[in-house]
Amino acid sequence: MNIVEQSISQAMDEPDDRMMFTRVKDIVARHLRRMDPGAIVTKTEFFNHTHVPDMVLEWPGRPRTPRRFIYLRTTSDQRELEDDLHRLPRADRPVLLALGQLPSARQQGDLPPPGSSTALLLDASALGALQPADDAPGIPHLVSRSVLEGGRGTLDKVATEEFLNTVVQGAEAARAGERVPTRDAVDALTARMTTDVADRMSAFLAALWQGGGSTLASFPAPQRGVGHLDETALMYLLESEDIADAAFWNRVVRMISLPILLRIPAAGTGNLQHLMREAIRLWTSRVCMIVPGMADADISPWRWAVKAGQLILQTPRFHVLVAQSRRQLPQGQERDLPRLDEVRNRADRFGIPLTSLRMVVTDRHVGYGGPGDDISHDVQLDGISDALGQAEGVIEADARIPSGETLQCLFGTGIASARGARTQVPLDALLGTTARLLSELSSDEAEKITQLLGAQGPPPDQPWSQPSFDDV
């Protein structure tokens, strides 16, 4: 008897019915939250009701995951439970949880045919066998969470453990390119999951298959939806056990894109760090913003994180936020403007060509630019600075990045964006130029930025053009 089953059994012995209802619901809800912290569990005022659920399970951070209604049952009689399942609406993906133990394990041949049901029947021992979320992230955790999202059919403890083992072994086999265990895992997912969740998990296995070096054409499953990762399948991958193989992530990063990553509710795992080491040179975006550092106990300094539709490079002193448009960036506070000599020193320090500058003195603006060449060393700027009495503040600068594109850098708001309505530029240049030009970096910070993003580098001889996603 596992701890969940034991706790439910003890709660059922409570002589006061109302107290018993409350204790049982609290135990079940607490375990569901541990299994998937991203799920919201709402308890109703009913218990063991025929048509009204005892709990509602929802995923606000994953809007494409339908809610599930959970019905607690004090009976373990198979006929009664199956009769209840037939009466409940399929659209709610009902979960019938028998608080006792089902009489015997269901054989594979007794499962409903694929696609015929969206309902899940399990008992307390099966619930306890599902992996709690406070264990180390791994495949059992992901599989258990997928059972909450789209499990179907009947699960007791034996069937649950067999299912977990099959998929865990299949995931290990997928990375090694072993066909039979991988196919067994796909078959188990098809039998035990609703179609949408089975497809996501199959896409996850296909990513492991390709990341391990095997071709997608040789993946031992139907090719429906396994050639790419959506945000949920990517989340499965990022939250699995740590994979430090750079070649693996170099293959995986070509299956996804920055917009898909930004649809994940939150991420800051070790696998995200491995992914970004490969993605920083391949992905593109349009705008980023540098803001003062914010304490976050869940994310260590000098790490990548995803939160609220933004990719974040977190450092001890500041954060660099990447988004697809300015509308997705927060409203920042106005910052003190640097003087012209400070901006020129930063540009000279990191080899950043400046093609234009706009400055302010009291209530007057002064602009200086050219036909696109580097103006940061022009002697005329010295004359302007002398004439203005060293009181000028730089409002914005246009900086040419190694790809040949131009970034508009706004010092008052800490925002850098690509010139051109639809222009996308490489992430390493976007973040690197923003951090180096819009902030006064210490030697240690400059070195760390170089380690994460690469050196600024000279501009190319030929104009840069972005390859299509298929060519990356």
Protein backbone atom coordinates (compact mmCIF):
# COMPACT_ATOMS: atom_id res chain seq x y z
CA MET A 1 0.00 0.00 0.00
CA ASN A 2 1.54 3.32 -1.06
CA ILE A 3 1.32 6.52 0.99
CA VAL A 4 -1.53 8.03 -1.04
CA GLU A 5 -3.62 4.88 -0.79
CA GLN A 6 -2.86 4.64 2.94
CA SER A 7 -3.77 8.29 3.58
CA ILE A 8 -7.10 7.92 1.74
CA SER A 9 -7.89 4.71 3.65
CA GLN A 10 -7.25 6.44 6.98
CA ALA A 11 -9.39 9.42 5.96
CA MET A 12 -12.25 7.09 4.99
CA ASP A 13 -12.31 5.80 8.59
CA GLU A 14 -13.26 9.27 9.84
CA PRO A 15 -16.64 8.85 11.65
CA ASP A 16 -17.91 12.29 10.71
CA ASP A 17 -19.02 12.15 7.06
CA ARG A 18 -18.40 15.81 6.30
CA MET A 19 -14.94 15.67 7.85
CA MET A 20 -14.23 12.50 5.86
CA PHE A 21 -15.25 14.20 2.61
CA THR A 22 -12.97 17.15 3.35
CA ARG A 23 -9.96 15.03 4.28
CA VAL A 24 -10.24 12.78 1.22
CA LYS A 25 -10.57 15.73 -1.15
CA ASP A 26 -7.60 17.48 0.46
CA ILE A 27 -5.41 14.39 0.06
CA VAL A 28 -6.35 13.87 -3.59
CA ALA A 29 -6.03 17.56 -4.48
CA ARG A 30 -2.64 17.83 -2.77
CA HIS A 31 -1.28 14.84 -4.68
CA LEU A 32 -2.62 16.14 -8.00
CA ARG A 33 -0.87 19.48 -7.41
CA ARG A 34 2.37 17.70 -6.59
CA MET A 35 2.11 15.69 -9.79
CA ASP A 36 1.61 18.84 -11.88
CA PRO A 37 2.25 22.22 -10.19
CA GLY A 38 0.95 23.92 -13.35
CA ALA A 39 -2.53 22.48 -12.80
CA ILE A 40 -5.27 24.28 -10.88
CA VAL A 41 -7.42 21.95 -8.76
CA THR A 42 -10.81 23.34 -7.76
CA LYS A 43 -12.85 21.42 -5.20
CA THR A 44 -16.65 21.53 -5.36
CA GLU A 45 -19.07 21.19 -2.45
CA PHE A 46 -20.24 17.75 -3.58
CA PHE A 47 -18.98 14.24 -2.83
CA ASN A 48 -19.66 10.95 -4.62
CA HIS A 49 -22.34 12.67 -6.71
CA THR A 50 -23.59 10.95 -9.85
CA HIS A 51 -23.30 13.88 -12.27
CA VAL A 52 -21.57 16.75 -10.43
CA PRO A 53 -17.77 16.50 -10.22
CA ASP A 54 -15.93 16.53 -6.92
CA MET A 55 -13.01 18.43 -8.48
CA VAL A 56 -12.16 20.30 -11.66
CA LEU A 57 -8.66 20.07 -13.08
CA GLU A 58 -7.52 22.98 -15.31
CA TRP A 59 -4.30 24.21 -16.91
CA PRO A 60 -4.48 28.02 -17.33
CA GLY A 61 -0.90 28.15 -18.60
CA ARG A 62 -1.68 25.60 -21.31
CA PRO A 63 -4.89 26.88 -22.92
CA ARG A 64 -4.99 24.07 -25.49
CA THR A 65 -5.24 21.45 -22.72
CA PRO A 66 -8.95 20.87 -21.95
CA ARG A 67 -10.12 20.79 -18.35
CA ARG A 68 -11.01 17.48 -16.72
CA PHE A 69 -13.79 16.69 -14.26
CA ILE A 70 -12.86 14.34 -11.42
CA TYR A 71 -15.47 12.17 -9.74
CA LEU A 72 -14.63 10.36 -6.48
CA ARG A 73 -16.28 7.02 -5.90
CA THR A 74 -16.53 5.07 -2.64
CA THR A 75 -17.35 1.85 -4.54
CA SER A 76 -14.82 -0.36 -6.30
CA ASP A 77 -17.40 -2.44 -8.12
CA GLN A 78 -16.32 -2.59 -11.75
CA ARG A 79 -19.84 -2.72 -13.19
CA GLU A 80 -21.04 0.29 -11.20
CA LEU A 81 -17.97 2.33 -12.16
CA GLU A 82 -18.25 1.48 -15.84
CA ASP A 83 -21.94 2.32 -15.80
CA ASP A 84 -21.05 5.74 -14.33
CA LEU A 85 -18.46 6.29 -17.04
CA HIS A 86 -21.00 5.65 -19.77
CA ARG A 87 -23.33 8.27 -18.28
CA LEU A 88 -20.74 11.07 -18.00
CA PRO A 89 -20.18 13.51 -20.90
CA ARG A 90 -17.15 12.59 -22.99
CA ALA A 91 -16.39 16.25 -23.67
CA ASP A 92 -15.36 16.70 -20.02
CA ARG A 93 -12.74 13.90 -20.25
CA PRO A 94 -14.06 12.55 -16.94
CA VAL A 95 -11.76 10.91 -14.41
CA LEU A 96 -13.41 8.38 -12.11
CA LEU A 97 -11.27 7.77 -9.02
CA ALA A 98 -12.21 4.72 -6.98
CA LEU A 99 -11.09 5.42 -3.41
CA GLY A 100 -10.54 1.73 -2.81
CA GLN A 101 -8.80 -0.85 -4.98
CA LEU A 102 -10.14 -2.23 -8.24
CA PRO A 103 -10.69 -6.00 -8.06
CA SER A 104 -8.18 -7.02 -10.73
CA ALA A 105 -5.85 -5.56 -13.34
CA ARG A 106 -7.26 -4.95 -16.79
CA GLN A 107 -5.59 -6.85 -19.59
CA GLN A 108 -4.54 -5.03 -22.77
CA GLY A 109 -7.29 -6.73 -24.71
CA ASP A 110 -9.92 -5.28 -22.38
CA LEU A 111 -8.97 -1.69 -23.16
CA PRO A 112 -11.31 0.32 -25.36
CA PRO A 113 -10.14 0.66 -28.94
CA PRO A 114 -8.08 3.80 -29.73
CA GLY A 115 -10.15 6.96 -29.93
CA SER A 116 -13.33 5.36 -28.55
CA SER A 117 -13.12 6.93 -25.10
CA THR A 118 -11.82 10.02 -23.32
CA ALA A 119 -12.64 8.77 -19.80
CA LEU A 120 -10.14 7.48 -17.23
CA LEU A 121 -10.93 5.01 -14.46
CA LEU A 122 -8.27 4.52 -11.81
CA ASP A 123 -8.07 3.55 -8.17
CA ALA A 124 -6.18 4.99 -5.19
CA SER A 125 -3.24 2.63 -5.62
CA ALA A 126 -2.82 3.73 -9.25
CA LEU A 127 -2.95 7.40 -8.22
CA GLY A 128 -0.21 6.77 -5.68
CA ALA A 129 1.93 4.98 -8.27
CA LEU A 130 2.02 8.08 -10.45
CA GLN A 131 5.20 10.06 -9.94
CA PRO A 132 4.98 13.10 -7.60
CA ALA A 133 6.35 16.36 -8.97
CA ASP A 134 8.79 16.98 -6.10
CA ASP A 135 10.94 14.06 -7.25
CA ALA A 136 13.81 14.84 -9.65
CA PRO A 137 12.45 15.77 -13.08
CA GLY A 138 12.42 12.80 -15.39
CA ILE A 139 10.40 10.71 -17.80
CA PRO A 140 8.21 9.10 -15.07
CA HIS A 141 7.19 12.57 -13.95
CA LEU A 142 6.30 13.59 -17.51
CA VAL A 143 4.35 10.41 -18.18
CA SER A 144 2.43 10.77 -14.92
CA ARG A 145 1.51 14.34 -15.76
CA SER A 146 0.36 13.26 -19.20
CA VAL A 147 -1.99 10.78 -17.53
CA LEU A 148 -3.64 13.71 -15.78
CA GLU A 149 -3.92 15.60 -19.06
CA GLY A 150 -5.25 12.82 -21.26
CA GLY A 151 -5.15 9.37 -19.67
CA ARG A 152 -7.99 7.04 -20.68
CA GLY A 153 -9.12 3.48 -20.09
CA THR A 154 -8.63 1.67 -16.79
CA LEU A 155 -5.55 1.87 -14.57
CA ASP A 156 -4.81 0.03 -11.36
CA LYS A 157 -1.39 -0.08 -9.68
CA VAL A 158 -0.03 -2.92 -11.82
CA ALA A 159 -1.23 -1.40 -15.09
CA THR A 160 0.10 2.03 -14.08
CA GLU A 161 3.56 0.74 -13.22
CA GLU A 162 3.68 -1.30 -16.44
CA PHE A 163 2.68 1.75 -18.48
CA LEU A 164 5.28 3.97 -16.79
CA ASN A 165 8.03 1.40 -17.34
CA THR A 166 7.12 0.92 -21.00
CA VAL A 167 7.28 4.64 -21.79
CA VAL A 168 10.42 5.24 -19.71
CA GLN A 169 12.21 2.38 -21.48
CA GLY A 170 10.88 3.68 -24.81
CA ALA A 171 12.32 7.15 -24.15
CA GLU A 172 15.73 5.68 -23.35
CA ALA A 173 15.51 3.50 -26.45
CA ALA A 174 14.50 6.46 -28.64
CA ARG A 175 17.74 8.31 -27.84
CA ALA A 176 19.66 5.14 -28.67
CA GLY A 177 17.75 4.57 -31.93
CA GLU A 178 16.28 1.22 -30.81
CA ARG A 179 13.10 0.52 -32.75
CA VAL A 180 11.20 -2.16 -30.79
CA PRO A 181 11.06 -0.53 -27.30
CA THR A 182 10.34 2.84 -28.94
CA ARG A 183 7.45 1.34 -30.88
CA ASP A 184 6.13 -0.35 -27.73
CA ALA A 185 6.10 3.04 -25.98
CA VAL A 186 4.20 4.67 -28.86
CA ASP A 187 1.67 1.82 -28.85
CA ALA A 188 1.19 2.16 -25.08
CA LEU A 189 0.64 5.91 -25.42
CA THR A 190 -1.88 5.38 -28.21
CA ALA A 191 -3.81 2.89 -26.08
CA ARG A 192 -3.68 4.80 -22.80
CA MET A 193 -3.95 8.45 -23.94
CA THR A 194 -6.40 10.63 -25.79
CA THR A 195 -5.26 11.38 -29.34
CA ASP A 196 -3.93 14.89 -28.68
CA VAL A 197 -1.83 13.89 -25.67
CA ALA A 198 -0.60 10.70 -27.37
CA ASP A 199 0.52 12.80 -30.34
CA ARG A 200 2.43 15.21 -28.09
CA MET A 201 4.18 12.39 -26.29
CA SER A 202 4.99 10.71 -29.61
CA ALA A 203 6.45 14.01 -30.83
CA PHE A 204 8.54 14.09 -27.65
CA LEU A 205 9.83 10.57 -28.36
CA ALA A 206 10.50 11.56 -31.97
CA ALA A 207 12.57 14.50 -30.73
CA LEU A 208 14.64 12.14 -28.59
CA TRP A 209 14.96 9.85 -31.63
CA GLN A 210 16.22 12.63 -33.90
CA GLY A 211 18.32 14.23 -31.17
CA GLY A 212 20.10 10.93 -30.74
CA GLY A 213 21.12 11.00 -34.40
CA SER A 214 18.48 8.82 -36.07
CA THR A 215 16.40 10.10 -38.99
CA LEU A 216 12.75 11.03 -38.63
CA ALA A 217 11.92 8.72 -41.57
CA SER A 218 13.11 5.75 -39.51
CA PHE A 219 11.02 6.64 -36.44
CA PRO A 220 8.89 3.53 -35.72
CA ALA A 221 5.51 5.23 -35.58
CA PRO A 222 3.06 7.05 -37.83
CA GLN A 223 4.53 10.37 -38.99
CA ARG A 224 1.45 12.38 -37.97
CA GLY A 225 2.67 15.42 -36.05
CA VAL A 226 6.08 14.02 -35.05
CA GLY A 227 8.24 16.19 -37.32
CA HIS A 228 8.01 19.20 -35.01
CA LEU A 229 7.47 20.06 -31.35
CA ASP A 230 4.62 22.21 -30.12
CA GLU A 231 4.98 24.12 -26.85
CA THR A 232 3.68 21.24 -24.72
CA ALA A 233 5.95 18.62 -26.30
CA LEU A 234 8.87 21.06 -25.97
CA MET A 235 7.97 21.58 -22.33
CA TYR A 236 8.07 17.80 -21.84
CA LEU A 237 11.58 17.78 -23.31
CA LEU A 238 12.87 20.72 -21.28
CA GLU A 239 11.53 19.28 -18.03
CA SER A 240 12.93 15.78 -18.57
CA GLU A 241 16.20 14.70 -16.98
CA ASP A 242 19.27 16.78 -17.83
CA ILE A 243 20.73 16.10 -21.29
CA ALA A 244 24.15 17.74 -21.68
CA ASP A 245 24.88 16.42 -25.19
CA ALA A 246 25.48 19.49 -27.42
CA ALA A 247 24.95 17.44 -30.61
CA PHE A 248 21.51 16.38 -29.31
CA TRP A 249 20.38 19.98 -28.80
CA ASN A 250 21.91 21.08 -32.10
CA ARG A 251 19.50 18.68 -33.81
CA VAL A 252 16.52 19.49 -31.60
CA VAL A 253 16.83 23.28 -31.98
CA ARG A 254 16.17 22.90 -35.71
CA MET A 255 12.78 21.33 -34.97
CA ILE A 256 11.46 24.33 -33.05
CA SER A 257 11.53 28.13 -33.13
CA LEU A 258 11.60 31.03 -30.69
CA PRO A 259 7.81 31.69 -30.95
CA ILE A 260 7.14 28.10 -29.84
CA LEU A 261 9.52 28.48 -26.89
CA LEU A 262 7.84 31.74 -25.86
CA ARG A 263 4.44 29.99 -25.66
CA ILE A 264 5.68 27.89 -22.74
CA PRO A 265 4.26 29.34 -19.48
CA ALA A 266 7.61 29.21 -17.65
CA ALA A 267 10.93 27.41 -17.86
CA GLY A 268 14.36 27.74 -16.30
CA THR A 269 15.66 24.18 -16.35
CA GLY A 270 19.14 22.91 -17.10
CA ASN A 271 17.89 21.66 -20.45
CA LEU A 272 16.85 25.21 -21.38
CA GLN A 273 20.45 26.28 -20.83
CA HIS A 274 21.66 23.50 -23.17
CA LEU A 275 19.04 24.41 -25.77
CA MET A 276 19.93 28.12 -25.75
CA ARG A 277 23.63 27.44 -26.27
CA GLU A 278 22.68 26.08 -29.68
CA ALA A 279 19.69 28.36 -30.39
CA ILE A 280 21.49 31.65 -29.73
CA ARG A 281 23.33 31.38 -33.04
CA LEU A 282 20.42 30.05 -35.12
CA TRP A 283 17.27 31.83 -33.94
CA THR A 284 16.26 35.39 -34.70
CA SER A 285 14.07 37.99 -33.05
CA ARG A 286 13.26 41.66 -33.32
CA VAL A 287 13.43 43.49 -29.99
CA CYS A 288 14.91 43.21 -26.52
CA MET A 289 15.12 45.30 -23.39
CA ILE A 290 17.62 45.63 -20.55
CA VAL A 291 16.15 46.13 -17.07
CA PRO A 292 17.55 46.15 -13.52
CA GLY A 293 17.96 42.70 -12.01
CA MET A 294 15.06 41.27 -10.06
CA ALA A 295 15.49 38.73 -7.29
CA ASP A 296 14.12 35.35 -8.30
CA ALA A 297 14.75 32.44 -5.98
CA ASP A 298 13.78 29.91 -8.67
CA ILE A 299 16.38 31.03 -11.24
CA SER A 300 20.13 31.38 -10.61
CA PRO A 301 22.10 34.31 -12.05
CA TRP A 302 23.58 34.03 -15.54
CA ARG A 303 20.90 31.69 -16.74
CA TRP A 304 18.19 31.63 -19.38
CA ALA A 305 14.55 31.59 -18.37
CA VAL A 306 11.16 31.84 -20.07
CA LYS A 307 8.35 33.66 -18.36
CA ALA A 308 5.18 35.45 -19.53
CA GLY A 309 6.02 35.26 -23.21
CA GLN A 310 9.58 36.56 -22.82
CA LEU A 311 12.98 34.93 -23.11
CA ILE A 312 15.13 36.27 -20.28
CA LEU A 313 18.89 36.30 -19.86
CA GLN A 314 19.28 36.83 -16.13
CA THR A 315 22.48 38.26 -14.71
CA PRO A 316 23.19 39.33 -11.11
CA ARG A 317 22.82 43.05 -11.98
CA PHE A 318 20.38 43.17 -14.88
CA HIS A 319 18.06 41.12 -17.09
CA VAL A 320 17.84 41.17 -20.87
CA LEU A 321 14.29 40.45 -22.06
CA VAL A 322 13.67 39.19 -25.61
CA ALA A 323 10.28 39.46 -27.28
CA GLN A 324 8.76 39.38 -30.74
CA SER A 325 7.44 42.94 -30.54
CA ARG A 326 7.61 45.99 -28.27
CA ARG A 327 4.04 45.36 -27.13
CA GLN A 328 5.27 42.25 -25.32
CA LEU A 329 7.83 44.18 -23.25
CA PRO A 330 7.01 45.74 -19.87
CA GLN A 331 6.63 49.48 -19.35
CA GLY A 332 10.09 50.46 -18.12
CA GLN A 333 11.12 53.45 -16.06
CA GLU A 334 13.04 56.23 -17.77
CA ARG A 335 16.76 55.94 -17.12
CA ASP A 336 19.48 58.57 -16.93
CA LEU A 337 20.98 59.25 -20.35
CA PRO A 338 24.69 58.53 -20.81
CA ARG A 339 26.97 61.25 -22.15
CA LEU A 340 28.39 61.12 -25.64
CA ASP A 341 31.88 60.17 -24.50
CA GLU A 342 30.45 57.22 -22.51
CA VAL A 343 28.56 55.87 -25.52
CA ARG A 344 31.59 56.29 -27.78
CA ASN A 345 33.80 54.49 -25.25
CA ARG A 346 31.37 51.56 -25.04
CA ALA A 347 31.17 51.30 -28.83
CA ASP A 348 34.95 51.49 -29.15
CA ARG A 349 35.49 48.93 -26.36
CA PHE A 350 33.40 46.26 -28.10
CA GLY A 351 33.90 47.25 -31.74
CA ILE A 352 30.27 48.34 -32.30
CA PRO A 353 29.91 50.59 -35.38
CA LEU A 354 27.56 53.52 -34.75
CA THR A 355 25.87 54.96 -37.85
CA SER A 356 23.89 57.77 -36.19
CA LEU A 357 23.36 59.48 -32.83
CA ARG A 358 20.65 61.68 -31.39
CA MET A 359 21.46 63.82 -28.35
CA VAL A 360 19.67 66.26 -26.08
CA VAL A 361 20.91 69.41 -24.36
CA THR A 362 18.36 70.97 -22.01
CA ASP A 363 15.32 71.09 -24.34
CA ARG A 364 17.15 70.94 -27.68
CA HIS A 365 17.84 67.84 -29.77
CA VAL A 366 20.94 67.38 -31.90
CA GLY A 367 21.31 64.63 -34.48
CA TYR A 368 24.46 63.37 -36.19
CA GLY A 369 24.59 60.65 -38.83
CA GLY A 370 25.99 59.57 -42.14
CA PRO A 371 25.30 57.35 -45.13
CA GLY A 372 25.67 54.17 -43.04
CA ASP A 373 29.36 54.19 -42.17
CA ASP A 374 30.79 54.23 -38.64
CA ILE A 375 30.63 57.78 -37.26
CA SER A 376 31.80 57.06 -33.70
CA HIS A 377 35.36 58.29 -34.40
CA ASP A 378 34.45 61.33 -36.49
CA VAL A 379 36.36 64.42 -35.39
CA GLN A 380 33.20 66.45 -35.95
CA LEU A 381 31.70 64.68 -32.93
CA ASP A 382 34.50 66.07 -30.81
CA GLY A 383 33.59 69.52 -32.01
CA ILE A 384 29.91 68.98 -31.23
CA SER A 385 30.75 67.76 -27.76
CA ASP A 386 33.00 70.75 -27.12
CA ALA A 387 30.36 73.14 -28.40
CA LEU A 388 27.69 71.59 -26.18
CA GLY A 389 29.90 71.83 -23.13
CA GLN A 390 29.93 68.12 -22.28
CA ALA A 391 26.33 68.42 -21.05
CA GLU A 392 24.79 66.36 -23.80
CA GLY A 393 22.88 63.15 -23.15
CA VAL A 394 22.54 60.48 -25.83
CA ILE A 395 18.89 59.63 -26.48
CA GLU A 396 19.43 56.96 -29.10
CA ALA A 397 22.02 55.45 -31.40
CA ASP A 398 21.86 53.29 -34.50
CA ALA A 399 24.30 50.41 -34.22
CA ARG A 400 25.31 48.11 -37.08
CA ILE A 401 25.55 44.49 -35.96
CA PRO A 402 27.76 41.76 -37.49
CA SER A 403 24.87 40.53 -39.65
CA GLY A 404 24.84 43.89 -41.43
CA GLU A 405 21.45 44.96 -40.01
CA THR A 406 20.91 48.05 -37.86
CA LEU A 407 19.59 48.23 -34.31
CA GLN A 408 17.90 51.32 -32.93
CA CYS A 409 19.13 51.57 -29.33
CA LEU A 410 17.10 53.78 -26.97
CA PHE A 411 19.09 54.68 -23.85
CA GLY A 412 16.18 56.19 -21.92
CA THR A 413 14.13 52.96 -21.98
CA GLY A 414 16.88 50.37 -22.47
CA ILE A 415 15.21 49.00 -25.62
CA ALA A 416 16.98 47.89 -28.80
CA SER A 417 14.99 46.92 -31.88
CA ALA A 418 15.77 46.10 -35.49
CA ARG A 419 15.25 48.82 -38.06
CA GLY A 420 12.59 47.77 -40.55
CA ALA A 421 9.00 46.74 -39.92
CA ARG A 422 9.60 42.99 -40.28
CA THR A 423 13.35 42.71 -39.81
CA GLN A 424 14.57 39.85 -37.65
CA VAL A 425 18.19 39.65 -36.48
CA PRO A 426 20.29 36.89 -34.86
CA LEU A 427 19.73 36.54 -31.12
CA ASP A 428 23.41 36.59 -30.22
CA ALA A 429 23.90 39.98 -31.90
CA LEU A 430 20.60 41.39 -30.60
CA LEU A 431 21.31 40.57 -26.97
CA GLY A 432 25.05 41.17 -27.18
CA THR A 433 24.75 44.64 -28.69
CA THR A 434 21.99 45.61 -26.25
CA ALA A 435 23.94 44.53 -23.17
CA ARG A 436 27.22 46.08 -24.35
CA LEU A 437 25.90 49.41 -25.59
CA LEU A 438 23.02 50.15 -23.20
CA SER A 439 24.84 49.18 -20.01
CA GLU A 440 28.26 49.93 -18.56
CA LEU A 441 29.66 46.40 -18.20
CA SER A 442 32.38 45.44 -15.75
CA SER A 443 35.26 43.30 -17.02
CA ASP A 444 33.71 40.21 -15.44
CA GLU A 445 30.30 40.95 -16.98
CA ALA A 446 31.84 41.55 -20.41
CA GLU A 447 33.66 38.22 -20.21
CA LYS A 448 30.52 36.36 -19.15
CA ILE A 449 28.50 37.96 -21.97
CA THR A 450 31.15 36.77 -24.42
CA GLN A 451 30.97 33.24 -23.00
CA LEU A 452 27.17 33.13 -23.38
CA LEU A 453 26.69 35.07 -26.61
CA GLY A 454 30.06 35.09 -28.36
CA ALA A 455 32.20 38.09 -29.23
CA GLN A 456 30.68 41.10 -30.96
CA GLY A 457 32.73 40.44 -34.11
CA PRO A 458 33.38 42.60 -37.18
CA PRO A 459 30.63 43.30 -39.71
CA PRO A 460 30.56 40.88 -42.65
CA ASP A 461 31.77 41.77 -46.13
CA GLN A 462 28.41 40.81 -47.66
CA PRO A 463 24.96 41.93 -46.47
CA TRP A 464 23.30 39.36 -44.22
CA SER A 465 20.09 37.65 -45.32
CA GLN A 466 18.04 35.44 -43.04
CA PRO A 467 17.68 31.81 -44.22
CA SER A 468 14.25 30.22 -44.22
CA PHE A 469 13.32 27.87 -41.37
CA ASP A 470 13.66 24.89 -43.72
CA ASP A 471 17.22 25.89 -44.59
CA VAL A 472 18.41 26.29 -41.01
